[in-house]
Amino acid sequence: APAGAVLIARDVTVEHDAQQARDDLVASISHELRTPLTSILGYLDLA
């Protein structure tokens, strides 16, 4: 028979901030790598 319920609340601010920081870092590095790689591919294609 029903005997009530339980609600668990957890502070995940640090986890979300860490995830955002990691994503921002990876995205920044990836953007920085795409530009020179695109240029390299262009020159190799011309060659």
ModelCIF file with pLDDT and N, C-alpha, C, O atoms, coordinates in Angstrom:
data_MODEL
#
_entry.id   MODEL 
#
_entity.id                         1 
_entity.type                       polymer 
_entity.pdbx_number_of_molecules   1 
#
_entity_poly.entity_id                      1 
_entity_poly.type                           'polypeptide(L)' 
_entity_poly.nstd_linkage                   no 
_entity_poly.nstd_monomer                   no 
_entity_poly.pdbx_seq_one_letter_code       APAGAVLIARDVTVEHDAQQARDDLVASISHELRTPLTSILGYLDLA 
_entity_poly.pdbx_seq_one_letter_code_can   APAGAVLIARDVTVEHDAQQARDDLVASISHELRTPLTSILGYLDLA 
_entity_poly.pdbx_strand_id                 A 
#
loop_
_entity_poly_seq.entity_id 
_entity_poly_seq.num 
_entity_poly_seq.mon_id 
_entity_poly_seq.hetero 
1 1  ALA n 
1 2  PRO n 
1 3  ALA n 
1 4  GLY n 
1 5  ALA n 
1 6  VAL n 
1 7  LEU n 
1 8  ILE n 
1 9  ALA n 
1 10 ARG n 
1 11 ASP n 
1 12 VAL n 
1 13 THR n 
1 14 VAL n 
1 15 GLU n 
1 16 HIS n 
1 17 ASP n 
1 18 ALA n 
1 19 GLN n 
1 20 GLN n 
1 21 ALA n 
1 22 ARG n 
1 23 ASP n 
1 24 ASP n 
1 25 LEU n 
1 26 VAL n 
1 27 ALA n 
1 28 SER n 
1 29 ILE n 
1 30 SER n 
1 31 HIS n 
1 32 GLU n 
1 33 LEU n 
1 34 ARG n 
1 35 THR n 
1 36 PRO n 
1 37 LEU n 
1 38 THR n 
1 39 SER n 
1 40 ILE n 
1 41 LEU n 
1 42 GLY n 
1 43 TYR n 
1 44 LEU n 
1 45 ASP n 
1 46 LEU n 
1 47 ALA n 
#
_struct_asym.id          A 
_struct_asym.entity_id   1 
#
loop_
_ma_qa_metric.id 
_ma_qa_metric.mode 
_ma_qa_metric.name 
_ma_qa_metric.software_group_id 
_ma_qa_metric.type 
1 global pLDDT . pLDDT 
2 local  pLDDT . pLDDT 
#
_ma_qa_metric_global.metric_id      1 
_ma_qa_metric_global.metric_value   75.94 
_ma_qa_metric_global.model_id       1 
_ma_qa_metric_global.ordinal_id     1 
#
loop_
_ma_qa_metric_local.label_asym_id 
_ma_qa_metric_local.label_comp_id 
_ma_qa_metric_local.label_seq_id 
_ma_qa_metric_local.metric_id 
_ma_qa_metric_local.metric_value 
_ma_qa_metric_local.model_id 
_ma_qa_metric_local.ordinal_id 
A ALA 1  2 86.00 1 1  
A PRO 2  2 86.00 1 2  
A ALA 3  2 86.00 1 3  
A GLY 4  2 88.00 1 4  
A ALA 5  2 90.00 1 5  
A VAL 6  2 88.00 1 6  
A LEU 7  2 88.00 1 7  
A ILE 8  2 85.00 1 8  
A ALA 9  2 84.00 1 9  
A ARG 10 2 84.00 1 10 
A ASP 11 2 81.00 1 11 
A VAL 12 2 83.00 1 12 
A THR 13 2 80.00 1 13 
A VAL 14 2 82.00 1 14 
A GLU 15 2 81.00 1 15 
A HIS 16 2 78.00 1 16 
A ASP 17 2 78.00 1 17 
A ALA 18 2 79.00 1 18 
A GLN 19 2 74.00 1 19 
A GLN 20 2 72.00 1 20 
A ALA 21 2 74.00 1 21 
A ARG 22 2 71.00 1 22 
A ASP 23 2 69.00 1 23 
A ASP 24 2 67.00 1 24 
A LEU 25 2 70.00 1 25 
A VAL 26 2 68.00 1 26 
A ALA 27 2 63.00 1 27 
A SER 28 2 63.00 1 28 
A ILE 29 2 68.00 1 29 
A SER 30 2 64.00 1 30 
A HIS 31 2 57.00 1 31 
A GLU 32 2 64.00 1 32 
A LEU 33 2 73.00 1 33 
A ARG 34 2 66.00 1 34 
A THR 35 2 59.00 1 35 
A PRO 36 2 75.00 1 36 
A LEU 37 2 76.00 1 37 
A THR 38 2 72.00 1 38 
A SER 39 2 71.00 1 39 
A ILE 40 2 80.00 1 40 
A LEU 41 2 76.00 1 41 
A GLY 42 2 76.00 1 42 
A TYR 43 2 77.00 1 43 
A LEU 44 2 81.00 1 44 
A ASP 45 2 77.00 1 45 
A LEU 46 2 78.00 1 46 
A ALA 47 2 81.00 1 47 
#
loop_
_atom_site.group_PDB 
_atom_site.id 
_atom_site.type_symbol 
_atom_site.label_atom_id 
_atom_site.label_alt_id 
_atom_site.label_comp_id 
_atom_site.label_asym_id 
_atom_site.label_entity_id 
_atom_site.label_seq_id 
_atom_site.pdbx_PDB_ins_code 
_atom_site.Cartn_x 
_atom_site.Cartn_y 
_atom_site.Cartn_z 
_atom_site.occupancy 
_atom_site.B_iso_or_equiv 
_atom_site.pdbx_formal_charge 
_atom_site.auth_seq_id 
_atom_site.auth_comp_id 
_atom_site.auth_asym_id 
_atom_site.auth_atom_id 
_atom_site.pdbx_PDB_model_num 
ATOM 1   N N  . ALA A 1 1  ? 0.844  -1.199 0.000   1.00 86.00 ? 1  ALA A N  1 
ATOM 2   C CA . ALA A 1 1  ? 0.000  0.000  0.000   1.00 86.00 ? 1  ALA A CA 1 
ATOM 3   C C  . ALA A 1 1  ? 0.881  1.253  0.000   1.00 86.00 ? 1  ALA A C  1 
ATOM 4   O O  . ALA A 1 1  ? 2.008  1.207  0.494   1.00 86.00 ? 1  ALA A O  1 
ATOM 5   N N  . PRO A 1 2  ? 0.386  2.373  -0.548  1.00 86.00 ? 2  PRO A N  1 
ATOM 6   C CA . PRO A 1 2  ? 1.179  3.619  -0.555  1.00 86.00 ? 2  PRO A CA 1 
ATOM 7   C C  . PRO A 1 2  ? 1.579  4.036  0.851   1.00 86.00 ? 2  PRO A C  1 
ATOM 8   O O  . PRO A 1 2  ? 0.767  4.015  1.776   1.00 86.00 ? 2  PRO A O  1 
ATOM 9   N N  . ALA A 1 3  ? 2.859  4.418  0.997   1.00 86.00 ? 3  ALA A N  1 
ATOM 10  C CA . ALA A 1 3  ? 3.376  4.817  2.315   1.00 86.00 ? 3  ALA A CA 1 
ATOM 11  C C  . ALA A 1 3  ? 4.101  6.152  2.227   1.00 86.00 ? 3  ALA A C  1 
ATOM 12  O O  . ALA A 1 3  ? 5.065  6.392  2.955   1.00 86.00 ? 3  ALA A O  1 
ATOM 13  N N  . GLY A 1 4  ? 3.636  7.020  1.336   1.00 88.00 ? 4  GLY A N  1 
ATOM 14  C CA . GLY A 1 4  ? 4.265  8.333  1.231   1.00 88.00 ? 4  GLY A CA 1 
ATOM 15  C C  . GLY A 1 4  ? 5.326  8.361  0.151   1.00 88.00 ? 4  GLY A C  1 
ATOM 16  O O  . GLY A 1 4  ? 5.311  7.548  -0.773  1.00 88.00 ? 4  GLY A O  1 
ATOM 17  N N  . ALA A 1 5  ? 6.236  9.290  0.271   1.00 90.00 ? 5  ALA A N  1 
ATOM 18  C CA . ALA A 1 5  ? 7.269  9.474  -0.750  1.00 90.00 ? 5  ALA A CA 1 
ATOM 19  C C  . ALA A 1 5  ? 8.484  10.125 -0.117  1.00 90.00 ? 5  ALA A C  1 
ATOM 20  O O  . ALA A 1 5  ? 8.435  10.607 1.015   1.00 90.00 ? 5  ALA A O  1 
ATOM 21  N N  . VAL A 1 6  ? 9.584  10.131 -0.874  1.00 88.00 ? 6  VAL A N  1 
ATOM 22  C CA . VAL A 1 6  ? 10.808 10.794 -0.429  1.00 88.00 ? 6  VAL A CA 1 
ATOM 23  C C  . VAL A 1 6  ? 11.344 11.604 -1.607  1.00 88.00 ? 6  VAL A C  1 
ATOM 24  O O  . VAL A 1 6  ? 11.308 11.158 -2.754  1.00 88.00 ? 6  VAL A O  1 
ATOM 25  N N  . LEU A 1 7  ? 11.842 12.802 -1.300  1.00 88.00 ? 7  LEU A N  1 
ATOM 26  C CA . LEU A 1 7  ? 12.408 13.697 -2.308  1.00 88.00 ? 7  LEU A CA 1 
ATOM 27  C C  . LEU A 1 7  ? 13.843 14.008 -1.905  1.00 88.00 ? 7  LEU A C  1 
ATOM 28  O O  . LEU A 1 7  ? 14.100 14.461 -0.789  1.00 88.00 ? 7  LEU A O  1 
ATOM 29  N N  . ILE A 1 8  ? 14.773 13.763 -2.818  1.00 85.00 ? 8  ILE A N  1 
ATOM 30  C CA . ILE A 1 8  ? 16.187 14.017 -2.582  1.00 85.00 ? 8  ILE A CA 1 
ATOM 31  C C  . ILE A 1 8  ? 16.604 15.232 -3.413  1.00 85.00 ? 8  ILE A C  1 
ATOM 32  O O  . ILE A 1 8  ? 16.352 15.285 -4.616  1.00 85.00 ? 8  ILE A O  1 
ATOM 33  N N  . ALA A 1 9  ? 17.239 16.201 -2.763  1.00 84.00 ? 9  ALA A N  1 
ATOM 34  C CA . ALA A 1 9  ? 17.741 17.397 -3.443  1.00 84.00 ? 9  ALA A CA 1 
ATOM 35  C C  . ALA A 1 9  ? 19.254 17.456 -3.283  1.00 84.00 ? 9  ALA A C  1 
ATOM 36  O O  . ALA A 1 9  ? 19.783 17.323 -2.180  1.00 84.00 ? 9  ALA A O  1 
ATOM 37  N N  . ARG A 1 10 ? 19.942 17.657 -4.406  1.00 84.00 ? 10 ARG A N  1 
ATOM 38  C CA . ARG A 1 10 ? 21.406 17.673 -4.379  1.00 84.00 ? 10 ARG A CA 1 
ATOM 39  C C  . ARG A 1 10 ? 21.916 18.901 -5.114  1.00 84.00 ? 10 ARG A C  1 
ATOM 40  O O  . ARG A 1 10 ? 21.427 19.239 -6.193  1.00 84.00 ? 10 ARG A O  1 
ATOM 41  N N  . ASP A 1 11 ? 22.900 19.566 -4.526  1.00 81.00 ? 11 ASP A N  1 
ATOM 42  C CA . ASP A 1 11 ? 23.505 20.737 -5.142  1.00 81.00 ? 11 ASP A CA 1 
ATOM 43  C C  . ASP A 1 11 ? 24.543 20.266 -6.164  1.00 81.00 ? 11 ASP A C  1 
ATOM 44  O O  . ASP A 1 11 ? 25.569 19.690 -5.804  1.00 81.00 ? 11 ASP A O  1 
ATOM 45  N N  . VAL A 1 12 ? 24.259 20.522 -7.444  1.00 83.00 ? 12 VAL A N  1 
ATOM 46  C CA . VAL A 1 12 ? 25.162 20.077 -8.517  1.00 83.00 ? 12 VAL A CA 1 
ATOM 47  C C  . VAL A 1 12 ? 25.770 21.274 -9.238  1.00 83.00 ? 12 VAL A C  1 
ATOM 48  O O  . VAL A 1 12 ? 26.185 21.160 -10.392 1.00 83.00 ? 12 VAL A O  1 
ATOM 49  N N  . THR A 1 13 ? 25.824 22.418 -8.563  1.00 80.00 ? 13 THR A N  1 
ATOM 50  C CA . THR A 1 13 ? 26.364 23.620 -9.203  1.00 80.00 ? 13 THR A CA 1 
ATOM 51  C C  . THR A 1 13 ? 27.818 23.411 -9.616  1.00 80.00 ? 13 THR A C  1 
ATOM 52  O O  . THR A 1 13 ? 28.204 23.760 -10.732 1.00 80.00 ? 13 THR A O  1 
ATOM 53  N N  . VAL A 1 14 ? 28.630 22.839 -8.713  1.00 82.00 ? 14 VAL A N  1 
ATOM 54  C CA . VAL A 1 14 ? 30.043 22.626 -9.015  1.00 82.00 ? 14 VAL A CA 1 
ATOM 55  C C  . VAL A 1 14 ? 30.203 21.697 -10.212 1.00 82.00 ? 14 VAL A C  1 
ATOM 56  O O  . VAL A 1 14 ? 31.048 21.938 -11.074 1.00 82.00 ? 14 VAL A O  1 
ATOM 57  N N  . GLU A 1 15 ? 29.398 20.638 -10.272 1.00 81.00 ? 15 GLU A N  1 
ATOM 58  C CA . GLU A 1 15 ? 29.489 19.712 -11.386 1.00 81.00 ? 15 GLU A CA 1 
ATOM 59  C C  . GLU A 1 15 ? 29.136 20.396 -12.704 1.00 81.00 ? 15 GLU A C  1 
ATOM 60  O O  . GLU A 1 15 ? 29.821 20.207 -13.709 1.00 81.00 ? 15 GLU A O  1 
ATOM 61  N N  . HIS A 1 16 ? 28.074 21.186 -12.698 1.00 78.00 ? 16 HIS A N  1 
ATOM 62  C CA . HIS A 1 16 ? 27.674 21.871 -13.922 1.00 78.00 ? 16 HIS A CA 1 
ATOM 63  C C  . HIS A 1 16 ? 28.715 22.909 -14.335 1.00 78.00 ? 16 HIS A C  1 
ATOM 64  O O  . HIS A 1 16 ? 29.015 23.052 -15.520 1.00 78.00 ? 16 HIS A O  1 
ATOM 65  N N  . ASP A 1 17 ? 29.261 23.628 -13.365 1.00 78.00 ? 17 ASP A N  1 
ATOM 66  C CA . ASP A 1 17 ? 30.292 24.606 -13.710 1.00 78.00 ? 17 ASP A CA 1 
ATOM 67  C C  . ASP A 1 17 ? 31.536 23.923 -14.262 1.00 78.00 ? 17 ASP A C  1 
ATOM 68  O O  . ASP A 1 17 ? 32.155 24.422 -15.202 1.00 78.00 ? 17 ASP A O  1 
ATOM 69  N N  . ALA A 1 18 ? 31.910 22.771 -13.674 1.00 79.00 ? 18 ALA A N  1 
ATOM 70  C CA . ALA A 1 18 ? 33.068 22.038 -14.176 1.00 79.00 ? 18 ALA A CA 1 
ATOM 71  C C  . ALA A 1 18 ? 32.814 21.517 -15.587 1.00 79.00 ? 18 ALA A C  1 
ATOM 72  O O  . ALA A 1 18 ? 33.701 21.558 -16.439 1.00 79.00 ? 18 ALA A O  1 
ATOM 73  N N  . GLN A 1 19 ? 31.587 21.022 -15.830 1.00 74.00 ? 19 GLN A N  1 
ATOM 74  C CA . GLN A 1 19 ? 31.246 20.543 -17.163 1.00 74.00 ? 19 GLN A CA 1 
ATOM 75  C C  . GLN A 1 19 ? 31.302 21.682 -18.177 1.00 74.00 ? 19 GLN A C  1 
ATOM 76  O O  . GLN A 1 19 ? 31.789 21.510 -19.295 1.00 74.00 ? 19 GLN A O  1 
ATOM 77  N N  . GLN A 1 20 ? 30.798 22.842 -17.773 1.00 72.00 ? 20 GLN A N  1 
ATOM 78  C CA . GLN A 1 20 ? 30.827 23.987 -18.678 1.00 72.00 ? 20 GLN A CA 1 
ATOM 79  C C  . GLN A 1 20 ? 32.269 24.418 -18.963 1.00 72.00 ? 20 GLN A C  1 
ATOM 80  O O  . GLN A 1 20 ? 32.627 24.722 -20.102 1.00 72.00 ? 20 GLN A O  1 
ATOM 81  N N  . ALA A 1 21 ? 33.089 24.437 -17.906 1.00 74.00 ? 21 ALA A N  1 
ATOM 82  C CA . ALA A 1 21 ? 34.485 24.843 -18.109 1.00 74.00 ? 21 ALA A CA 1 
ATOM 83  C C  . ALA A 1 21 ? 35.202 23.880 -19.046 1.00 74.00 ? 21 ALA A C  1 
ATOM 84  O O  . ALA A 1 21 ? 35.977 24.303 -19.905 1.00 74.00 ? 21 ALA A O  1 
ATOM 85  N N  . ARG A 1 22 ? 34.942 22.568 -18.879 1.00 71.00 ? 22 ARG A N  1 
ATOM 86  C CA . ARG A 1 22 ? 35.580 21.592 -19.760 1.00 71.00 ? 22 ARG A CA 1 
ATOM 87  C C  . ARG A 1 22 ? 35.111 21.756 -21.200 1.00 71.00 ? 22 ARG A C  1 
ATOM 88  O O  . ARG A 1 22 ? 35.908 21.726 -22.137 1.00 71.00 ? 22 ARG A O  1 
ATOM 89  N N  . ASP A 1 23 ? 33.784 21.933 -21.359 1.00 69.00 ? 23 ASP A N  1 
ATOM 90  C CA . ASP A 1 23 ? 33.264 22.100 -22.713 1.00 69.00 ? 23 ASP A CA 1 
ATOM 91  C C  . ASP A 1 23 ? 33.806 23.365 -23.369 1.00 69.00 ? 23 ASP A C  1 
ATOM 92  O O  . ASP A 1 23 ? 34.150 23.370 -24.551 1.00 69.00 ? 23 ASP A O  1 
ATOM 93  N N  . ASP A 1 24 ? 33.876 24.438 -22.579 1.00 67.00 ? 24 ASP A N  1 
ATOM 94  C CA . ASP A 1 24 ? 34.396 25.688 -23.143 1.00 67.00 ? 24 ASP A CA 1 
ATOM 95  C C  . ASP A 1 24 ? 35.859 25.531 -23.559 1.00 67.00 ? 24 ASP A C  1 
ATOM 96  O O  . ASP A 1 24 ? 36.274 26.043 -24.599 1.00 67.00 ? 24 ASP A O  1 
ATOM 97  N N  . LEU A 1 25 ? 36.647 24.808 -22.726 1.00 70.00 ? 25 LEU A N  1 
ATOM 98  C CA . LEU A 1 25 ? 38.055 24.611 -23.048 1.00 70.00 ? 25 LEU A CA 1 
ATOM 99  C C  . LEU A 1 25 ? 38.211 23.776 -24.314 1.00 70.00 ? 25 LEU A C  1 
ATOM 100 O O  . LEU A 1 25 ? 38.981 24.120 -25.211 1.00 70.00 ? 25 LEU A O  1 
ATOM 101 N N  . VAL A 1 26 ? 37.458 22.661 -24.369 1.00 68.00 ? 26 VAL A N  1 
ATOM 102 C CA . VAL A 1 26 ? 37.556 21.789 -25.545 1.00 68.00 ? 26 VAL A CA 1 
ATOM 103 C C  . VAL A 1 26 ? 37.093 22.523 -26.797 1.00 68.00 ? 26 VAL A C  1 
ATOM 104 O O  . VAL A 1 26 ? 37.711 22.409 -27.855 1.00 68.00 ? 26 VAL A O  1 
ATOM 105 N N  . ALA A 1 27 ? 35.992 23.284 -26.671 1.00 63.00 ? 27 ALA A N  1 
ATOM 106 C CA . ALA A 1 27 ? 35.491 24.018 -27.829 1.00 63.00 ? 27 ALA A CA 1 
ATOM 107 C C  . ALA A 1 27 ? 36.492 25.064 -28.290 1.00 63.00 ? 27 ALA A C  1 
ATOM 108 O O  . ALA A 1 27 ? 36.688 25.263 -29.489 1.00 63.00 ? 27 ALA A O  1 
ATOM 109 N N  . SER A 1 28 ? 37.130 25.738 -27.323 1.00 63.00 ? 28 SER A N  1 
ATOM 110 C CA . SER A 1 28 ? 38.110 26.762 -27.680 1.00 63.00 ? 28 SER A CA 1 
ATOM 111 C C  . SER A 1 28 ? 39.294 26.147 -28.416 1.00 63.00 ? 28 SER A C  1 
ATOM 112 O O  . SER A 1 28 ? 39.736 26.656 -29.447 1.00 63.00 ? 28 SER A O  1 
ATOM 113 N N  . ILE A 1 29 ? 39.801 25.038 -27.865 1.00 68.00 ? 29 ILE A N  1 
ATOM 114 C CA . ILE A 1 29 ? 40.936 24.375 -28.518 1.00 68.00 ? 29 ILE A CA 1 
ATOM 115 C C  . ILE A 1 29 ? 40.543 23.869 -29.904 1.00 68.00 ? 29 ILE A C  1 
ATOM 116 O O  . ILE A 1 29 ? 41.309 23.988 -30.860 1.00 68.00 ? 29 ILE A O  1 
ATOM 117 N N  . SER A 1 30 ? 39.327 23.298 -30.001 1.00 64.00 ? 30 SER A N  1 
ATOM 118 C CA . SER A 1 30 ? 38.887 22.765 -31.281 1.00 64.00 ? 30 SER A CA 1 
ATOM 119 C C  . SER A 1 30 ? 38.773 23.859 -32.326 1.00 64.00 ? 30 SER A C  1 
ATOM 120 O O  . SER A 1 30 ? 39.167 23.673 -33.477 1.00 64.00 ? 30 SER A O  1 
ATOM 121 N N  . HIS A 1 31 ? 38.223 25.020 -31.914 1.00 57.00 ? 31 HIS A N  1 
ATOM 122 C CA . HIS A 1 31 ? 38.128 26.143 -32.852 1.00 57.00 ? 31 HIS A CA 1 
ATOM 123 C C  . HIS A 1 31 ? 39.508 26.595 -33.305 1.00 57.00 ? 31 HIS A C  1 
ATOM 124 O O  . HIS A 1 31 ? 39.720 26.904 -34.477 1.00 57.00 ? 31 HIS A O  1 
ATOM 125 N N  . GLU A 1 32 ? 40.438 26.628 -32.369 1.00 64.00 ? 32 GLU A N  1 
ATOM 126 C CA . GLU A 1 32 ? 41.789 27.075 -32.716 1.00 64.00 ? 32 GLU A CA 1 
ATOM 127 C C  . GLU A 1 32 ? 42.471 26.083 -33.662 1.00 64.00 ? 32 GLU A C  1 
ATOM 128 O O  . GLU A 1 32 ? 43.297 26.485 -34.482 1.00 64.00 ? 32 GLU A O  1 
ATOM 129 N N  . LEU A 1 33 ? 42.138 24.801 -33.560 1.00 73.00 ? 33 LEU A N  1 
ATOM 130 C CA . LEU A 1 33 ? 42.751 23.806 -34.430 1.00 73.00 ? 33 LEU A CA 1 
ATOM 131 C C  . LEU A 1 33 ? 42.116 23.772 -35.815 1.00 73.00 ? 33 LEU A C  1 
ATOM 132 O O  . LEU A 1 33 ? 42.796 23.484 -36.800 1.00 73.00 ? 33 LEU A O  1 
ATOM 133 N N  . ARG A 1 34 ? 40.820 24.062 -35.899 1.00 66.00 ? 34 ARG A N  1 
ATOM 134 C CA . ARG A 1 34 ? 40.133 23.949 -37.186 1.00 66.00 ? 34 ARG A CA 1 
ATOM 135 C C  . ARG A 1 34 ? 40.687 24.929 -38.217 1.00 66.00 ? 34 ARG A C  1 
ATOM 136 O O  . ARG A 1 34 ? 40.827 24.591 -39.393 1.00 66.00 ? 34 ARG A O  1 
ATOM 137 N N  . THR A 1 35 ? 41.000 26.148 -37.767 1.00 59.00 ? 35 THR A N  1 
ATOM 138 C CA . THR A 1 35 ? 41.456 27.167 -38.735 1.00 59.00 ? 35 THR A CA 1 
ATOM 139 C C  . THR A 1 35 ? 42.757 26.764 -39.421 1.00 59.00 ? 35 THR A C  1 
ATOM 140 O O  . THR A 1 35 ? 42.810 26.758 -40.650 1.00 59.00 ? 35 THR A O  1 
ATOM 141 N N  . PRO A 1 36 ? 43.833 26.418 -38.654 1.00 75.00 ? 36 PRO A N  1 
ATOM 142 C CA . PRO A 1 36 ? 45.058 26.020 -39.363 1.00 75.00 ? 36 PRO A CA 1 
ATOM 143 C C  . PRO A 1 36 ? 44.898 24.724 -40.144 1.00 75.00 ? 36 PRO A C  1 
ATOM 144 O O  . PRO A 1 36 ? 45.516 24.563 -41.197 1.00 75.00 ? 36 PRO A O  1 
ATOM 145 N N  . LEU A 1 37 ? 44.071 23.784 -39.647 1.00 76.00 ? 37 LEU A N  1 
ATOM 146 C CA . LEU A 1 37 ? 43.875 22.539 -40.393 1.00 76.00 ? 37 LEU A CA 1 
ATOM 147 C C  . LEU A 1 37 ? 43.187 22.797 -41.725 1.00 76.00 ? 37 LEU A C  1 
ATOM 148 O O  . LEU A 1 37 ? 43.539 22.207 -42.746 1.00 76.00 ? 37 LEU A O  1 
ATOM 149 N N  . THR A 1 38 ? 42.200 23.688 -41.698 1.00 72.00 ? 38 THR A N  1 
ATOM 150 C CA . THR A 1 38 ? 41.529 24.023 -42.953 1.00 72.00 ? 38 THR A CA 1 
ATOM 151 C C  . THR A 1 38 ? 42.504 24.639 -43.943 1.00 72.00 ? 38 THR A C  1 
ATOM 152 O O  . THR A 1 38 ? 42.469 24.356 -45.141 1.00 72.00 ? 38 THR A O  1 
ATOM 153 N N  . SER A 1 39 ? 43.385 25.501 -43.403 1.00 71.00 ? 39 SER A N  1 
ATOM 154 C CA . SER A 1 39 ? 44.390 26.117 -44.276 1.00 71.00 ? 39 SER A CA 1 
ATOM 155 C C  . SER A 1 39 ? 45.353 25.068 -44.826 1.00 71.00 ? 39 SER A C  1 
ATOM 156 O O  . SER A 1 39 ? 45.691 25.105 -46.009 1.00 71.00 ? 39 SER A O  1 
ATOM 157 N N  . ILE A 1 40 ? 45.792 24.148 -43.998 1.00 80.00 ? 40 ILE A N  1 
ATOM 158 C CA . ILE A 1 40 ? 46.706 23.080 -44.444 1.00 80.00 ? 40 ILE A CA 1 
ATOM 159 C C  . ILE A 1 40 ? 46.064 22.249 -45.532 1.00 80.00 ? 40 ILE A C  1 
ATOM 160 O O  . ILE A 1 40 ? 46.696 21.941 -46.543 1.00 80.00 ? 40 ILE A O  1 
ATOM 161 N N  . LEU A 1 41 ? 44.795 21.883 -45.327 1.00 76.00 ? 41 LEU A N  1 
ATOM 162 C CA . LEU A 1 41 ? 44.096 21.082 -46.328 1.00 76.00 ? 41 LEU A CA 1 
ATOM 163 C C  . LEU A 1 41 ? 43.978 21.835 -47.650 1.00 76.00 ? 41 LEU A C  1 
ATOM 164 O O  . LEU A 1 41 ? 44.105 21.255 -48.728 1.00 76.00 ? 41 LEU A O  1 
ATOM 165 N N  . GLY A 1 42 ? 43.735 23.130 -47.541 1.00 76.00 ? 42 GLY A N  1 
ATOM 166 C CA . GLY A 1 42 ? 43.619 23.926 -48.768 1.00 76.00 ? 42 GLY A CA 1 
ATOM 167 C C  . GLY A 1 42 ? 44.918 23.928 -49.558 1.00 76.00 ? 42 GLY A C  1 
ATOM 168 O O  . GLY A 1 42 ? 44.903 23.725 -50.772 1.00 76.00 ? 42 GLY A O  1 
ATOM 169 N N  . TYR A 1 43 ? 46.042 24.156 -48.883 1.00 77.00 ? 43 TYR A N  1 
ATOM 170 C CA . TYR A 1 43 ? 47.326 24.188 -49.582 1.00 77.00 ? 43 TYR A CA 1 
ATOM 171 C C  . TYR A 1 43 ? 47.718 22.809 -50.105 1.00 77.00 ? 43 TYR A C  1 
ATOM 172 O O  . TYR A 1 43 ? 48.292 22.692 -51.188 1.00 77.00 ? 43 TYR A O  1 
ATOM 173 N N  . LEU A 1 44 ? 47.406 21.765 -49.335 1.00 81.00 ? 44 LEU A N  1 
ATOM 174 C CA . LEU A 1 44 ? 47.703 20.413 -49.816 1.00 81.00 ? 44 LEU A CA 1 
ATOM 175 C C  . LEU A 1 44 ? 46.871 20.076 -51.043 1.00 81.00 ? 44 LEU A C  1 
ATOM 176 O O  . LEU A 1 44 ? 47.350 19.414 -51.964 1.00 81.00 ? 44 LEU A O  1 
ATOM 177 N N  . ASP A 1 45 ? 45.637 20.527 -51.053 1.00 77.00 ? 45 ASP A N  1 
ATOM 178 C CA . ASP A 1 45 ? 44.781 20.284 -52.201 1.00 77.00 ? 45 ASP A CA 1 
ATOM 179 C C  . ASP A 1 45 ? 45.313 21.013 -53.430 1.00 77.00 ? 45 ASP A C  1 
ATOM 180 O O  . ASP A 1 45 ? 45.296 20.474 -54.537 1.00 77.00 ? 45 ASP A O  1 
ATOM 181 N N  . LEU A 1 46 ? 45.790 22.259 -53.224 1.00 78.00 ? 46 LEU A N  1 
ATOM 182 C CA . LEU A 1 46 ? 46.377 23.005 -54.343 1.00 78.00 ? 46 LEU A CA 1 
ATOM 183 C C  . LEU A 1 46 ? 47.628 22.304 -54.858 1.00 78.00 ? 46 LEU A C  1 
ATOM 184 O O  . LEU A 1 46 ? 47.869 22.246 -56.063 1.00 78.00 ? 46 LEU A O  1 
ATOM 185 N N  . ALA A 1 47 ? 48.422 21.771 -53.927 1.00 81.00 ? 47 ALA A N  1 
ATOM 186 C CA . ALA A 1 47 ? 49.651 21.082 -54.336 1.00 81.00 ? 47 ALA A CA 1 
ATOM 187 C C  . ALA A 1 47 ? 49.337 19.838 -55.147 1.00 81.00 ? 47 ALA A C  1 
ATOM 188 O O  . ALA A 1 47 ? 50.251 19.133 -55.575 1.00 81.00 ? 47 ALA A O  1 
#
